[in-house]
Amino acid sequence: MVKTKGNWTGSVSGQSIFNNGIAHPGADHIQLTYAYQGHTYEKCVHYNPGPEEYKLDFAEGVTFTKATWRGECGPGK
């Protein structure tokens, strides 16, 4: 488990992420970078309770490598 109030870079296996942040314009969403089966992906995660995704579940074998606080998620980000 990784819990951080700031940006994070590393390498940790996991199967879920939860953005427990609060509304803070410009820095309340997480840009998540993760690897799965040799490919790297990025996903923007909203703060709880949404309306967008704030909790994501992943298949076994995912490695999280970076989480950066950012502003609003745009369509398809």
PDB file of N, CA and C in Angstrom:
ATOM      1  N   MET A   1       0.847  -1.172   0.000  1.00  0.00           N
ATOM      2  CA  MET A   1       0.000   0.000   0.000  1.00  0.00           C
ATOM      3  C   MET A   1       0.894   1.238   0.000  1.00  0.00           C
ATOM      4  N   VAL A   2       0.472   2.224  -0.791  1.00  0.00           N
ATOM      5  CA  VAL A   2       1.156   3.512  -0.819  1.00  0.00           C
ATOM      6  C   VAL A   2       0.121   4.571  -0.490  1.00  0.00           C
ATOM      7  N   LYS A   3       0.442   5.426   0.461  1.00  0.00           N
ATOM      8  CA  LYS A   3      -0.430   6.550   0.816  1.00  0.00           C
ATOM      9  C   LYS A   3       0.454   7.784   0.813  1.00  0.00           C
ATOM     10  N   THR A   4       0.049   8.789   0.018  1.00  0.00           N
ATOM     11  CA  THR A   4       0.873   9.984  -0.089  1.00  0.00           C
ATOM     12  C   THR A   4      -0.001  11.222  -0.260  1.00  0.00           C
ATOM     13  N   LYS A   5       0.456  12.341   0.260  1.00  0.00           N
ATOM     14  CA  LYS A   5      -0.252  13.608   0.082  1.00  0.00           C
ATOM     15  C   LYS A   5       0.311  14.390  -1.096  1.00  0.00           C
ATOM     16  N   GLY A   6       1.460  13.955  -1.595  1.00  0.00           N
ATOM     17  CA  GLY A   6       2.103  14.656  -2.692  1.00  0.00           C
ATOM     18  C   GLY A   6       2.330  13.723  -3.870  1.00  0.00           C
ATOM     19  N   ASN A   7       3.033  14.215  -4.858  1.00  0.00           N
ATOM     20  CA  ASN A   7       3.378  13.396  -6.015  1.00  0.00           C
ATOM     21  C   ASN A   7       4.232  12.215  -5.562  1.00  0.00           C
ATOM     22  N   TRP A   8       4.129  11.120  -6.284  1.00  0.00           N
ATOM     23  CA  TRP A   8       4.854   9.905  -5.933  1.00  0.00           C
ATOM     24  C   TRP A   8       5.409   9.252  -7.189  1.00  0.00           C
ATOM     25  N   THR A   9       6.636   8.736  -7.102  1.00  0.00           N
ATOM     26  CA  THR A   9       7.251   7.938  -8.166  1.00  0.00           C
ATOM     27  C   THR A   9       7.910   6.744  -7.499  1.00  0.00           C
ATOM     28  N   GLY A  10       7.742   5.577  -8.103  1.00  0.00           N
ATOM     29  CA  GLY A  10       8.336   4.364  -7.545  1.00  0.00           C
ATOM     30  C   GLY A  10       7.904   3.164  -8.350  1.00  0.00           C
ATOM     31  N   SER A  11       7.770   2.042  -7.681  1.00  0.00           N
ATOM     32  CA  SER A  11       7.329   0.813  -8.321  1.00  0.00           C
ATOM     33  C   SER A  11       6.692  -0.064  -7.257  1.00  0.00           C
ATOM     34  N   VAL A  12       5.374  -0.217  -7.343  1.00  0.00           N
ATOM     35  CA  VAL A  12       4.667  -1.051  -6.378  1.00  0.00           C
ATOM     36  C   VAL A  12       3.535  -1.792  -7.091  1.00  0.00           C
ATOM     37  N   SER A  13       3.429  -3.073  -6.818  1.00  0.00           N
ATOM     38  CA  SER A  13       2.348  -3.876  -7.389  1.00  0.00           C
ATOM     39  C   SER A  13       1.070  -3.607  -6.610  1.00  0.00           C
ATOM     40  N   GLY A  14      -0.043  -3.670  -7.300  1.00  0.00           N
ATOM     41  CA  GLY A  14      -1.320  -3.450  -6.625  1.00  0.00           C
ATOM     42  C   GLY A  14      -2.480  -3.769  -7.534  1.00  0.00           C
ATOM     43  N   GLN A  15      -3.679  -3.730  -6.950  1.00  0.00           N
ATOM     44  CA  GLN A  15      -4.868  -4.040  -7.727  1.00  0.00           C
ATOM     45  C   GLN A  15      -5.943  -2.967  -7.614  1.00  0.00           C
ATOM     46  N   SER A  16      -5.662  -1.878  -6.881  1.00  0.00           N
ATOM     47  CA  SER A  16      -6.667  -0.813  -6.815  1.00  0.00           C
ATOM     48  C   SER A  16      -6.015   0.513  -6.452  1.00  0.00           C
ATOM     49  N   ILE A  17      -6.749   1.585  -6.764  1.00  0.00           N
ATOM     50  CA  ILE A  17      -6.338   2.937  -6.382  1.00  0.00           C
ATOM     51  C   ILE A  17      -7.590   3.690  -5.967  1.00  0.00           C
ATOM     52  N   PHE A  18      -7.429   4.559  -4.979  1.00  0.00           N
ATOM     53  CA  PHE A  18      -8.533   5.367  -4.474  1.00  0.00           C
ATOM     54  C   PHE A  18      -8.007   6.775  -4.244  1.00  0.00           C
ATOM     55  N   ASN A  19      -8.632   7.774  -4.866  1.00  0.00           N
ATOM     56  CA  ASN A  19      -8.244   9.166  -4.651  1.00  0.00           C
ATOM     57  C   ASN A  19      -9.098   9.704  -3.509  1.00  0.00           C
ATOM     58  N   ASN A  20      -8.492   9.833  -2.357  1.00  0.00           N
ATOM     59  CA  ASN A  20      -9.191  10.317  -1.169  1.00  0.00           C
ATOM     60  C   ASN A  20      -8.964  11.811  -0.965  1.00  0.00           C
ATOM     61  N   GLY A  21      -8.557  12.501  -2.031  1.00  0.00           N
ATOM     62  CA  GLY A  21      -8.321  13.936  -1.950  1.00  0.00           C
ATOM     63  C   GLY A  21      -9.632  14.712  -1.825  1.00  0.00           C
ATOM     64  N   ILE A  22      -9.496  16.009  -1.652  1.00  0.00           N
ATOM     65  CA  ILE A  22     -10.653  16.903  -1.558  1.00  0.00           C
ATOM     66  C   ILE A  22     -10.583  17.920  -2.690  1.00  0.00           C
ATOM     67  N   ALA A  23     -11.690  18.592  -2.911  1.00  0.00           N
ATOM     68  CA  ALA A  23     -11.732  19.608  -3.968  1.00  0.00           C
ATOM     69  C   ALA A  23     -10.653  20.658  -3.725  1.00  0.00           C
ATOM     70  N   HIS A  24      -9.795  20.843  -4.705  1.00  0.00           N
ATOM     71  CA  HIS A  24      -8.733  21.841  -4.651  1.00  0.00           C
ATOM     72  C   HIS A  24      -8.379  22.183  -6.092  1.00  0.00           C
ATOM     73  N   PRO A  25      -8.979  23.232  -6.656  1.00  0.00           N
ATOM     74  CA  PRO A  25      -8.786  23.552  -8.069  1.00  0.00           C
ATOM     75  C   PRO A  25      -7.317  23.520  -8.492  1.00  0.00           C
ATOM     76  N   GLY A  26      -7.070  22.772  -9.561  1.00  0.00           N
ATOM     77  CA  GLY A  26      -5.727  22.671 -10.114  1.00  0.00           C
ATOM     78  C   GLY A  26      -4.881  21.562  -9.524  1.00  0.00           C
ATOM     79  N   ALA A  27      -5.371  20.905  -8.445  1.00  0.00           N
ATOM     80  CA  ALA A  27      -4.555  19.858  -7.813  1.00  0.00           C
ATOM     81  C   ALA A  27      -5.413  18.877  -7.017  1.00  0.00           C
ATOM     82  N   ASP A  28      -6.517  18.417  -7.601  1.00  0.00           N
ATOM     83  CA  ASP A  28      -7.362  17.471  -6.862  1.00  0.00           C
ATOM     84  C   ASP A  28      -7.640  16.178  -7.629  1.00  0.00           C
ATOM     85  N   HIS A  29      -7.032  16.042  -8.784  1.00  0.00           N
ATOM     86  CA  HIS A  29      -7.129  14.812  -9.566  1.00  0.00           C
ATOM     87  C   HIS A  29      -5.735  14.184  -9.616  1.00  0.00           C
ATOM     88  N   ILE A  30      -5.673  12.873  -9.840  1.00  0.00           N
ATOM     89  CA  ILE A  30      -4.391  12.173  -9.909  1.00  0.00           C
ATOM     90  C   ILE A  30      -4.164  11.673 -11.328  1.00  0.00           C
ATOM     91  N   GLN A  31      -3.009  11.992 -11.889  1.00  0.00           N
ATOM     92  CA  GLN A  31      -2.581  11.392 -13.158  1.00  0.00           C
ATOM     93  C   GLN A  31      -1.772  10.165 -12.772  1.00  0.00           C
ATOM     94  N   LEU A  32      -2.349   8.986 -12.975  1.00  0.00           N
ATOM     95  CA  LEU A  32      -1.750   7.721 -12.581  1.00  0.00           C
ATOM     96  C   LEU A  32      -1.045   7.078 -13.771  1.00  0.00           C
ATOM     97  N   THR A  33       0.181   6.633 -13.565  1.00  0.00           N
ATOM     98  CA  THR A  33       0.915   5.882 -14.578  1.00  0.00           C
ATOM     99  C   THR A  33       1.136   4.480 -14.030  1.00  0.00           C
ATOM    100  N   TYR A  34       0.839   3.474 -14.865  1.00  0.00           N
ATOM    101  CA  TYR A  34       0.996   2.094 -14.427  1.00  0.00           C
ATOM    102  C   TYR A  34       1.380   1.209 -15.608  1.00  0.00           C
ATOM    103  N   ALA A  35       1.968   0.071 -15.289  1.00  0.00           N
ATOM    104  CA  ALA A  35       2.405  -0.885 -16.309  1.00  0.00           C
ATOM    105  C   ALA A  35       1.636  -2.192 -16.133  1.00  0.00           C
ATOM    106  N   TYR A  36       1.303  -2.806 -17.291  1.00  0.00           N
ATOM    107  CA  TYR A  36       0.611  -4.088 -17.278  1.00  0.00           C
ATOM    108  C   TYR A  36       0.984  -4.857 -18.534  1.00  0.00           C
ATOM    109  N   GLN A  37       1.485  -6.053 -18.353  1.00  0.00           N
ATOM    110  CA  GLN A  37       1.881  -6.940 -19.451  1.00  0.00           C
ATOM    111  C   GLN A  37       2.773  -6.247 -20.483  1.00  0.00           C
ATOM    112  N   GLY A  38       3.774  -5.519 -19.986  1.00  0.00           N
ATOM    113  CA  GLY A  38       4.760  -4.901 -20.856  1.00  0.00           C
ATOM    114  C   GLY A  38       4.363  -3.582 -21.485  1.00  0.00           C
ATOM    115  N   HIS A  39       3.185  -3.072 -21.162  1.00  0.00           N
ATOM    116  CA  HIS A  39       2.716  -1.795 -21.708  1.00  0.00           C
ATOM    117  C   HIS A  39       2.535  -0.786 -20.574  1.00  0.00           C
ATOM    118  N   THR A  40       2.724   0.487 -20.889  1.00  0.00           N
ATOM    119  CA  THR A  40       2.541   1.559 -19.917  1.00  0.00           C
ATOM    120  C   THR A  40       1.269   2.320 -20.246  1.00  0.00           C
ATOM    121  N   TYR A  41       0.488   2.624 -19.216  1.00  0.00           N
ATOM    122  CA  TYR A  41      -0.794   3.314 -19.380  1.00  0.00           C
ATOM    123  C   TYR A  41      -0.866   4.502 -18.432  1.00  0.00           C
ATOM    124  N   GLU A  42      -1.748   5.441 -18.764  1.00  0.00           N
ATOM    125  CA  GLU A  42      -2.031   6.575 -17.883  1.00  0.00           C
ATOM    126  C   GLU A  42      -3.534   6.714 -17.737  1.00  0.00           C
ATOM    127  N   LYS A  43      -3.953   7.148 -16.567  1.00  0.00           N
ATOM    128  CA  LYS A  43      -5.377   7.346 -16.292  1.00  0.00           C
ATOM    129  C   LYS A  43      -5.511   8.501 -15.325  1.00  0.00           C
ATOM    130  N   CYS A  44      -6.479   9.366 -15.559  1.00  0.00           N
ATOM    131  CA  CYS A  44      -6.772  10.463 -14.644  1.00  0.00           C
ATOM    132  C   CYS A  44      -7.856  10.000 -13.678  1.00  0.00           C
ATOM    133  N   VAL A  45      -7.623  10.199 -12.381  1.00  0.00           N
ATOM    134  CA  VAL A  45      -8.538   9.730 -11.343  1.00  0.00           C
ATOM    135  C   VAL A  45      -9.083  10.928 -10.566  1.00  0.00           C
ATOM    136  N   HIS A  46     -10.414  11.068 -10.547  1.00  0.00           N
ATOM    137  CA  HIS A  46     -11.116  12.162  -9.872  1.00  0.00           C
ATOM    138  C   HIS A  46     -11.041  11.992  -8.357  1.00  0.00           C
ATOM    139  N   TYR A  47     -11.301  13.059  -7.623  1.00  0.00           N
ATOM    140  CA  TYR A  47     -11.380  12.945  -6.160  1.00  0.00           C
ATOM    141  C   TYR A  47     -12.757  12.403  -5.763  1.00  0.00           C
ATOM    142  N   ASN A  48     -12.818  11.792  -4.594  1.00  0.00           N
ATOM    143  CA  ASN A  48     -14.045  11.217  -4.052  1.00  0.00           C
ATOM    144  C   ASN A  48     -15.017  12.328  -3.680  1.00  0.00           C
ATOM    145  N   PRO A  49     -16.269  12.287  -4.058  1.00  0.00           N
ATOM    146  CA  PRO A  49     -17.077  11.170  -4.525  1.00  0.00           C
ATOM    147  C   PRO A  49     -17.361  11.178  -6.021  1.00  0.00           C
ATOM    148  N   GLY A  50     -16.600  11.776  -6.815  1.00  0.00           N
ATOM    149  CA  GLY A  50     -16.875  11.788  -8.251  1.00  0.00           C
ATOM    150  C   GLY A  50     -17.401  13.146  -8.678  1.00  0.00           C
ATOM    151  N   PRO A  51     -18.036  13.273  -9.783  1.00  0.00           N
ATOM    152  CA  PRO A  51     -18.859  12.295 -10.481  1.00  0.00           C
ATOM    153  C   PRO A  51     -18.072  11.336 -11.363  1.00  0.00           C
ATOM    154  N   GLU A  52     -16.817  11.610 -11.599  1.00  0.00           N
ATOM    155  CA  GLU A  52     -15.998  10.723 -12.426  1.00  0.00           C
ATOM    156  C   GLU A  52     -15.414   9.604 -11.558  1.00  0.00           C
ATOM    157  N   GLU A  53     -14.578   8.752 -12.162  1.00  0.00           N
ATOM    158  CA  GLU A  53     -13.979   7.631 -11.430  1.00  0.00           C
ATOM    159  C   GLU A  53     -13.006   8.123 -10.364  1.00  0.00           C
ATOM    160  N   TYR A  54     -13.193   7.689  -9.138  1.00  0.00           N
ATOM    161  CA  TYR A  54     -12.282   8.015  -8.042  1.00  0.00           C
ATOM    162  C   TYR A  54     -11.665   6.755  -7.439  1.00  0.00           C
ATOM    163  N   LYS A  55     -12.204   5.572  -7.798  1.00  0.00           N
ATOM    164  CA  LYS A  55     -11.655   4.293  -7.368  1.00  0.00           C
ATOM    165  C   LYS A  55     -11.556   3.392  -8.595  1.00  0.00           C
ATOM    166  N   LEU A  56     -10.388   2.801  -8.782  1.00  0.00           N
ATOM    167  CA  LEU A  56     -10.183   1.906  -9.916  1.00  0.00           C
ATOM    168  C   LEU A  56      -9.666   0.565  -9.411  1.00  0.00           C
ATOM    169  N   ASP A  57     -10.163  -0.511  -9.980  1.00  0.00           N
ATOM    170  CA  ASP A  57      -9.677  -1.852  -9.689  1.00  0.00           C
ATOM    171  C   ASP A  57      -8.965  -2.385 -10.929  1.00  0.00           C
ATOM    172  N   PHE A  58      -7.872  -3.108 -10.712  1.00  0.00           N
ATOM    173  CA  PHE A  58      -7.039  -3.600 -11.791  1.00  0.00           C
ATOM    174  C   PHE A  58      -6.858  -5.109 -11.679  1.00  0.00           C
ATOM    175  N   ALA A  59      -6.454  -5.725 -12.790  1.00  0.00           N
ATOM    176  CA  ALA A  59      -6.126  -7.147 -12.805  1.00  0.00           C
ATOM    177  C   ALA A  59      -4.822  -7.370 -12.041  1.00  0.00           C
ATOM    178  N   GLU A  60      -4.633  -8.578 -11.576  1.00  0.00           N
ATOM    179  CA  GLU A  60      -3.379  -8.932 -10.921  1.00  0.00           C
ATOM    180  C   GLU A  60      -2.234  -8.754 -11.909  1.00  0.00           C
ATOM    181  N   GLY A  61      -1.104  -8.241 -11.434  1.00  0.00           N
ATOM    182  CA  GLY A  61       0.060  -8.054 -12.300  1.00  0.00           C
ATOM    183  C   GLY A  61       0.323  -6.608 -12.676  1.00  0.00           C
ATOM    184  N   VAL A  62      -0.489  -5.678 -12.180  1.00  0.00           N
ATOM    185  CA  VAL A  62      -0.281  -4.255 -12.463  1.00  0.00           C
ATOM    186  C   VAL A  62       0.790  -3.700 -11.531  1.00  0.00           C
ATOM    187  N   THR A  63       1.659  -2.848 -12.073  1.00  0.00           N
ATOM    188  CA  THR A  63       2.663  -2.151 -11.279  1.00  0.00           C
ATOM    189  C   THR A  63       2.436  -0.653 -11.439  1.00  0.00           C
ATOM    190  N   PHE A  64       2.187   0.027 -10.321  1.00  0.00           N
ATOM    191  CA  PHE A  64       2.011   1.476 -10.327  1.00  0.00           C
ATOM    192  C   PHE A  64       3.384   2.118 -10.268  1.00  0.00           C
ATOM    193  N   THR A  65       3.600   3.144 -11.110  1.00  0.00           N
ATOM    194  CA  THR A  65       4.927   3.756 -11.187  1.00  0.00           C
ATOM    195  C   THR A  65       4.942   5.257 -10.906  1.00  0.00           C
ATOM    196  N   LYS A  66       3.778   5.908 -10.991  1.00  0.00           N
ATOM    197  CA  LYS A  66       3.782   7.361 -10.781  1.00  0.00           C
ATOM    198  C   LYS A  66       2.363   7.847 -10.493  1.00  0.00           C
ATOM    199  N   ALA A  67       2.262   8.796  -9.580  1.00  0.00           N
ATOM    200  CA  ALA A  67       0.992   9.463  -9.290  1.00  0.00           C
ATOM    201  C   ALA A  67       1.298  10.948  -9.114  1.00  0.00           C
ATOM    202  N   THR A  68       0.686  11.771  -9.968  1.00  0.00           N
ATOM    203  CA  THR A  68       0.950  13.208  -9.956  1.00  0.00           C
ATOM    204  C   THR A  68      -0.358  13.961  -9.792  1.00  0.00           C
ATOM    205  N   TRP A  69      -0.421  14.876  -8.847  1.00  0.00           N
ATOM    206  CA  TRP A  69      -1.616  15.706  -8.669  1.00  0.00           C
ATOM    207  C   TRP A  69      -1.737  16.662  -9.838  1.00  0.00           C
ATOM    208  N   ARG A  70      -2.966  16.878 -10.285  1.00  0.00           N
ATOM    209  CA  ARG A  70      -3.221  17.733 -11.450  1.00  0.00           C
ATOM    210  C   ARG A  70      -4.611  18.340 -11.346  1.00  0.00           C
ATOM    211  N   GLY A  71      -4.945  19.146 -12.350  1.00  0.00           N
ATOM    212  CA  GLY A  71      -6.291  19.732 -12.437  1.00  0.00           C
ATOM    213  C   GLY A  71      -7.271  18.755 -13.073  1.00  0.00           C
ATOM    214  N   GLU A  72      -8.362  19.295 -13.545  1.00  0.00           N
ATOM    215  CA  GLU A  72      -9.459  18.506 -14.091  1.00  0.00           C
ATOM    216  C   GLU A  72      -9.022  17.484 -15.142  1.00  0.00           C
ATOM    217  N   CYS A  73      -9.721  16.360 -15.137  1.00  0.00           N
ATOM    218  CA  CYS A  73      -9.551  15.338 -16.178  1.00  0.00           C
ATOM    219  C   CYS A  73     -10.379  15.778 -17.372  1.00  0.00           C
ATOM    220  N   GLY A  74      -9.834  15.661 -18.557  1.00  0.00           N
ATOM    221  CA  GLY A  74     -10.590  15.964 -19.754  1.00  0.00           C
ATOM    222  C   GLY A  74     -11.176  14.695 -20.339  1.00  0.00           C
ATOM    223  N   PRO A  75     -12.013  14.814 -21.330  1.00  0.00           N
ATOM    224  CA  PRO A  75     -12.585  13.625 -21.966  1.00  0.00           C
ATOM    225  C   PRO A  75     -11.499  12.678 -22.473  1.00  0.00           C
ATOM    226  N   GLY A  76     -11.614  11.396 -22.136  1.00  0.00           N
ATOM    227  CA  GLY A  76     -10.670  10.394 -22.596  1.00  0.00           C
ATOM    228  C   GLY A  76      -9.316  10.426 -21.927  1.00  0.00           C
ATOM    229  N   LYS A  77      -9.161  11.160 -20.848  1.00  0.00           N
ATOM    230  CA  LYS A  77      -7.853  11.264 -20.176  1.00  0.00           C
ATOM    231  C   LYS A  77      -7.897  10.423 -18.942  1.00  0.00           C
TER     232      LYS A  77
END
